[in-house]
Amino acid sequence: MDEPIQVCEKRYNYFPKTFRWRGQLHHVRAVERCWTTTQRRWLNAIERHCFRVRTVNATYDLVQELDRDAWFLHRVVEVRE
């Protein structure tokens, strides 16, 4: 998926606390998991911080590309209604 999002607030200057996706503000209730990945591309490596976060309505995987401080919604893991 990798849709651009805006992380509006962070907890401890690291974990996403609120993010805006498709114009809607989402409040993170819990960070369930975090990990770092590195992708090798030609002569450089792209390092990404990944976060599985839970909101009231869903669980999402969010990704931060460190080299350009860009945030993406990687996938919707679970939707709760």
N, C-alpha and C. Protein backbone atom coordinates (compact mmCIF):
# COMPACT_ATOMS: atom_id res chain seq x y z
N MET A 1 0.83 -1.19 0.00
CA MET A 1 0.00 0.00 0.00
C MET A 1 0.88 1.26 0.00
N ASP A 2 1.64 1.46 1.04
CA ASP A 2 2.57 2.59 1.18
C ASP A 2 1.97 3.93 0.75
N GLU A 3 0.85 4.29 1.37
CA GLU A 3 0.20 5.58 1.14
C GLU A 3 0.80 6.62 2.07
N PRO A 4 1.14 7.80 1.57
CA PRO A 4 1.71 8.84 2.44
C PRO A 4 0.73 9.24 3.55
N ILE A 5 1.28 9.44 4.74
CA ILE A 5 0.50 9.94 5.87
C ILE A 5 1.29 11.06 6.52
N GLN A 6 0.64 11.79 7.41
CA GLN A 6 1.30 12.82 8.19
C GLN A 6 1.23 12.41 9.65
N VAL A 7 2.37 12.26 10.28
CA VAL A 7 2.40 12.00 11.72
C VAL A 7 2.37 13.36 12.40
N CYS A 8 1.29 13.62 13.11
CA CYS A 8 1.06 14.94 13.72
C CYS A 8 1.75 15.09 15.07
N GLU A 9 1.75 14.01 15.84
CA GLU A 9 2.38 14.02 17.16
C GLU A 9 3.12 12.71 17.37
N LYS A 10 4.21 12.81 18.15
CA LYS A 10 4.97 11.61 18.51
C LYS A 10 5.02 11.50 20.03
N ARG A 11 5.12 10.28 20.50
CA ARG A 11 5.31 10.00 21.92
C ARG A 11 6.80 9.74 22.13
N TYR A 12 7.40 10.40 23.08
CA TYR A 12 8.83 10.27 23.38
C TYR A 12 9.69 10.63 22.16
N ASN A 13 9.15 11.50 21.30
CA ASN A 13 9.86 11.96 20.10
C ASN A 13 10.24 10.81 19.17
N TYR A 14 9.50 9.70 19.23
CA TYR A 14 9.83 8.52 18.44
C TYR A 14 8.59 7.78 17.95
N PHE A 15 7.69 7.40 18.87
CA PHE A 15 6.51 6.61 18.52
C PHE A 15 5.38 7.49 18.01
N PRO A 16 4.69 7.08 16.94
CA PRO A 16 3.55 7.87 16.47
C PRO A 16 2.43 7.92 17.52
N LYS A 17 1.92 9.11 17.76
CA LYS A 17 0.81 9.31 18.72
C LYS A 17 -0.49 9.65 17.98
N THR A 18 -0.40 10.50 16.98
CA THR A 18 -1.53 10.79 16.10
C THR A 18 -1.01 10.86 14.67
N PHE A 19 -1.86 10.44 13.73
CA PHE A 19 -1.49 10.55 12.32
C PHE A 19 -2.73 10.86 11.49
N ARG A 20 -2.50 11.53 10.36
CA ARG A 20 -3.58 11.90 9.46
C ARG A 20 -3.45 11.07 8.18
N TRP A 21 -4.54 10.37 7.86
CA TRP A 21 -4.60 9.54 6.65
C TRP A 21 -5.91 9.83 5.94
N ARG A 22 -5.80 10.20 4.67
CA ARG A 22 -6.98 10.53 3.85
C ARG A 22 -7.86 11.57 4.51
N GLY A 23 -7.21 12.55 5.16
CA GLY A 23 -7.92 13.65 5.77
C GLY A 23 -8.48 13.38 7.16
N GLN A 24 -8.38 12.16 7.65
CA GLN A 24 -8.93 11.82 8.96
C GLN A 24 -7.80 11.65 9.98
N LEU A 25 -8.02 12.23 11.16
CA LEU A 25 -7.03 12.14 12.24
C LEU A 25 -7.27 10.86 13.03
N HIS A 26 -6.21 10.09 13.26
CA HIS A 26 -6.26 8.84 14.01
C HIS A 26 -5.39 8.97 15.27
N HIS A 27 -5.96 8.58 16.40
CA HIS A 27 -5.24 8.62 17.68
C HIS A 27 -4.75 7.21 18.00
N VAL A 28 -3.46 7.07 18.20
CA VAL A 28 -2.86 5.76 18.51
C VAL A 28 -3.11 5.44 19.97
N ARG A 29 -3.77 4.33 20.21
CA ARG A 29 -4.03 3.88 21.58
C ARG A 29 -2.87 3.06 22.11
N ALA A 30 -2.19 2.31 21.21
CA ALA A 30 -1.06 1.48 21.63
C ALA A 30 -0.15 1.20 20.45
N VAL A 31 1.14 1.16 20.71
CA VAL A 31 2.11 0.66 19.74
C VAL A 31 2.34 -0.79 20.12
N GLU A 32 1.89 -1.69 19.25
CA GLU A 32 1.95 -3.12 19.57
C GLU A 32 3.31 -3.73 19.25
N ARG A 33 4.00 -3.13 18.30
CA ARG A 33 5.28 -3.70 17.87
C ARG A 33 6.05 -2.63 17.11
N CYS A 34 7.38 -2.66 17.19
CA CYS A 34 8.21 -1.79 16.35
C CYS A 34 9.47 -2.56 15.95
N TRP A 35 9.95 -2.27 14.75
CA TRP A 35 11.14 -2.94 14.23
C TRP A 35 11.77 -2.05 13.17
N THR A 36 12.99 -2.37 12.80
CA THR A 36 13.73 -1.62 11.79
C THR A 36 14.10 -2.55 10.65
N THR A 37 13.96 -2.05 9.42
CA THR A 37 14.35 -2.81 8.25
C THR A 37 15.37 -2.00 7.45
N THR A 38 16.18 -2.70 6.69
CA THR A 38 17.14 -2.05 5.80
C THR A 38 17.01 -2.69 4.43
N GLN A 39 16.80 -1.85 3.42
CA GLN A 39 16.72 -2.32 2.03
C GLN A 39 17.96 -1.82 1.30
N ARG A 40 18.63 -2.72 0.65
CA ARG A 40 19.80 -2.35 -0.14
C ARG A 40 19.35 -1.99 -1.56
N ARG A 41 19.77 -0.80 -2.01
CA ARG A 41 19.48 -0.36 -3.37
C ARG A 41 20.76 0.24 -3.94
N TRP A 42 21.22 -0.36 -4.96
CA TRP A 42 22.47 0.02 -5.62
C TRP A 42 23.57 0.26 -4.60
N LEU A 43 23.97 1.49 -4.45
CA LEU A 43 25.11 1.79 -3.58
C LEU A 43 24.70 2.24 -2.17
N ASN A 44 23.40 2.40 -1.95
CA ASN A 44 22.99 2.88 -0.63
C ASN A 44 21.98 1.93 0.00
N ALA A 45 21.68 2.19 1.23
CA ALA A 45 20.69 1.39 1.96
C ALA A 45 19.61 2.32 2.48
N ILE A 46 18.38 1.86 2.42
CA ILE A 46 17.26 2.64 2.94
C ILE A 46 16.81 1.99 4.24
N GLU A 47 16.94 2.77 5.31
CA GLU A 47 16.56 2.26 6.62
C GLU A 47 15.17 2.78 6.95
N ARG A 48 14.32 1.89 7.48
CA ARG A 48 12.94 2.25 7.80
C ARG A 48 12.60 1.76 9.21
N HIS A 49 11.92 2.64 9.97
CA HIS A 49 11.33 2.24 11.24
C HIS A 49 9.89 1.83 10.95
N CYS A 50 9.49 0.69 11.47
CA CYS A 50 8.13 0.17 11.25
C CYS A 50 7.42 0.08 12.60
N PHE A 51 6.14 0.43 12.59
CA PHE A 51 5.34 0.43 13.81
C PHE A 51 4.00 -0.21 13.54
N ARG A 52 3.61 -1.16 14.35
CA ARG A 52 2.25 -1.70 14.32
C ARG A 52 1.50 -0.96 15.42
N VAL A 53 0.50 -0.17 15.02
CA VAL A 53 -0.24 0.66 15.97
C VAL A 53 -1.71 0.29 15.98
N ARG A 54 -2.33 0.46 17.15
CA ARG A 54 -3.76 0.18 17.30
C ARG A 54 -4.50 1.47 17.62
N THR A 55 -5.58 1.71 16.89
CA THR A 55 -6.47 2.83 17.16
C THR A 55 -7.80 2.25 17.60
N VAL A 56 -8.79 3.09 17.83
CA VAL A 56 -10.11 2.62 18.24
C VAL A 56 -10.70 1.67 17.19
N ASN A 57 -10.52 1.99 15.90
CA ASN A 57 -11.21 1.26 14.84
C ASN A 57 -10.37 0.24 14.08
N ALA A 58 -9.05 0.30 14.21
CA ALA A 58 -8.23 -0.58 13.36
C ALA A 58 -6.81 -0.71 13.90
N THR A 59 -6.07 -1.63 13.30
CA THR A 59 -4.65 -1.80 13.54
C THR A 59 -3.93 -1.57 12.23
N TYR A 60 -2.86 -0.78 12.26
CA TYR A 60 -2.14 -0.37 11.06
C TYR A 60 -0.65 -0.66 11.19
N ASP A 61 0.00 -0.87 10.07
CA ASP A 61 1.46 -0.87 10.01
C ASP A 61 1.89 0.45 9.39
N LEU A 62 2.61 1.26 10.16
CA LEU A 62 3.13 2.54 9.70
C LEU A 62 4.63 2.42 9.50
N VAL A 63 5.15 3.15 8.51
CA VAL A 63 6.58 3.08 8.18
C VAL A 63 7.14 4.49 8.07
N GLN A 64 8.31 4.69 8.64
CA GLN A 64 9.04 5.95 8.52
C GLN A 64 10.34 5.69 7.77
N GLU A 65 10.50 6.32 6.60
CA GLU A 65 11.77 6.25 5.87
C GLU A 65 12.69 7.29 6.48
N LEU A 66 13.78 6.84 7.07
CA LEU A 66 14.63 7.73 7.86
C LEU A 66 15.39 8.74 7.03
N ASP A 67 15.83 8.37 5.84
CA ASP A 67 16.65 9.29 5.05
C ASP A 67 15.91 10.56 4.65
N ARG A 68 14.59 10.50 4.51
CA ARG A 68 13.84 11.71 4.14
C ARG A 68 12.72 12.04 5.12
N ASP A 69 12.69 11.34 6.26
CA ASP A 69 11.69 11.54 7.30
C ASP A 69 10.28 11.55 6.72
N ALA A 70 9.99 10.59 5.85
CA ALA A 70 8.67 10.46 5.23
C ALA A 70 7.93 9.29 5.88
N TRP A 71 6.64 9.47 6.10
CA TRP A 71 5.80 8.46 6.75
C TRP A 71 4.81 7.89 5.76
N PHE A 72 4.52 6.58 5.91
CA PHE A 72 3.60 5.89 5.02
C PHE A 72 2.74 4.92 5.83
N LEU A 73 1.51 4.73 5.38
CA LEU A 73 0.68 3.65 5.89
C LEU A 73 0.98 2.46 4.99
N HIS A 74 1.64 1.47 5.55
CA HIS A 74 2.05 0.31 4.77
C HIS A 74 0.88 -0.65 4.52
N ARG A 75 0.10 -0.90 5.58
CA ARG A 75 -1.09 -1.75 5.38
C ARG A 75 -2.03 -1.62 6.57
N VAL A 76 -3.29 -1.94 6.31
CA VAL A 76 -4.30 -2.04 7.36
C VAL A 76 -4.32 -3.51 7.77
N VAL A 77 -3.95 -3.78 9.01
CA VAL A 77 -3.82 -5.15 9.50
C VAL A 77 -5.18 -5.71 9.89
N GLU A 78 -5.97 -4.91 10.60
CA GLU A 78 -7.27 -5.38 11.10
C GLU A 78 -8.20 -4.19 11.25
N VAL A 79 -9.46 -4.37 10.88
CA VAL A 79 -10.47 -3.34 11.07
C VAL A 79 -11.48 -3.85 12.08
N ARG A 80 -11.79 -2.97 13.07
CA ARG A 80 -12.80 -3.31 14.08
C ARG A 80 -13.95 -2.32 13.95
N GLU A 81 -15.14 -2.80 14.03
CA GLU A 81 -16.33 -1.92 13.91
C GLU A 81 -17.15 -1.98 15.16
